[in-house]
Amino acid sequence: MTQSDLSYMMSMLSDKKKLITNKEFDCTTWDKEAEELCQIDECLKFLDRQQEDI
């Protein structure tokens, strides 16, 4: 994986996170959206660690 691959994936995940956090939440889907945000955060942390290794 190259630096540009990591940057692209981090950008995509950050954009997805912004979309989720900026929309009005429907209380019936709150758990799903909160779980998705946690998964995105974990992915971003992983990619950040990978970026440090490159």
Protein backbone atom coordinates (compact mmCIF):
# COMPACT_ATOMS: atom_id res chain seq x y z
CA MET A 1 0.00 0.00 0.00
CA THR A 2 1.38 3.37 -0.95
CA GLN A 3 1.16 6.70 0.83
CA SER A 4 -1.32 7.95 -1.76
CA ASP A 5 -3.53 4.86 -1.20
CA LEU A 6 -3.59 5.54 2.53
CA SER A 7 -4.32 9.22 2.02
CA TYR A 8 -7.16 8.42 -0.36
CA MET A 9 -8.75 5.92 2.04
CA MET A 10 -8.41 8.29 4.98
CA SER A 11 -10.01 11.06 2.96
CA MET A 12 -12.91 8.83 1.95
CA LEU A 13 -13.50 7.70 5.54
CA SER A 14 -13.30 11.27 6.83
CA ASP A 15 -15.85 12.39 4.25
CA LYS A 16 -18.17 9.53 5.24
CA LYS A 17 -17.77 10.49 8.90
CA LYS A 18 -18.70 14.11 8.11
CA LEU A 19 -21.80 12.97 6.24
CA ILE A 20 -22.94 10.89 9.19
CA THR A 21 -22.23 13.51 11.85
CA ASN A 22 -23.76 16.40 9.88
CA LYS A 23 -27.09 14.78 9.10
CA GLU A 24 -30.12 14.86 11.34
CA PHE A 25 -30.33 11.60 13.23
CA ASP A 26 -33.42 9.49 13.19
CA CYS A 27 -33.70 8.02 16.68
CA THR A 28 -34.57 4.61 15.20
CA THR A 29 -31.20 4.37 13.46
CA TRP A 30 -29.02 5.99 16.13
CA ASP A 31 -27.38 2.71 17.20
CA LYS A 32 -26.47 1.80 13.63
CA GLU A 33 -25.00 5.24 12.93
CA ALA A 34 -23.08 5.32 16.22
CA GLU A 35 -21.64 1.88 15.44
CA GLU A 36 -20.65 3.02 11.95
CA LEU A 37 -18.88 6.07 13.41
CA CYS A 38 -16.94 3.81 15.80
CA GLN A 39 -15.91 1.57 12.91
CA ILE A 40 -14.79 4.57 10.85
CA ASP A 41 -12.76 5.88 13.79
CA GLU A 42 -11.07 2.50 14.21
CA CYS A 43 -10.25 2.37 10.50
CA LEU A 44 -8.83 5.89 10.58
CA LYS A 45 -6.65 5.01 13.58
CA PHE A 46 -5.40 1.88 11.81
CA LEU A 47 -4.62 3.79 8.62
CA ASP A 48 -2.86 6.49 10.60
CA ARG A 49 -0.60 3.87 12.18
CA GLN A 50 0.07 2.38 8.75
CA GLN A 51 0.97 5.81 7.45
CA GLU A 52 3.57 6.19 10.20
CA ASP A 53 5.20 2.93 9.08
CA ILE A 54 5.63 4.08 5.49
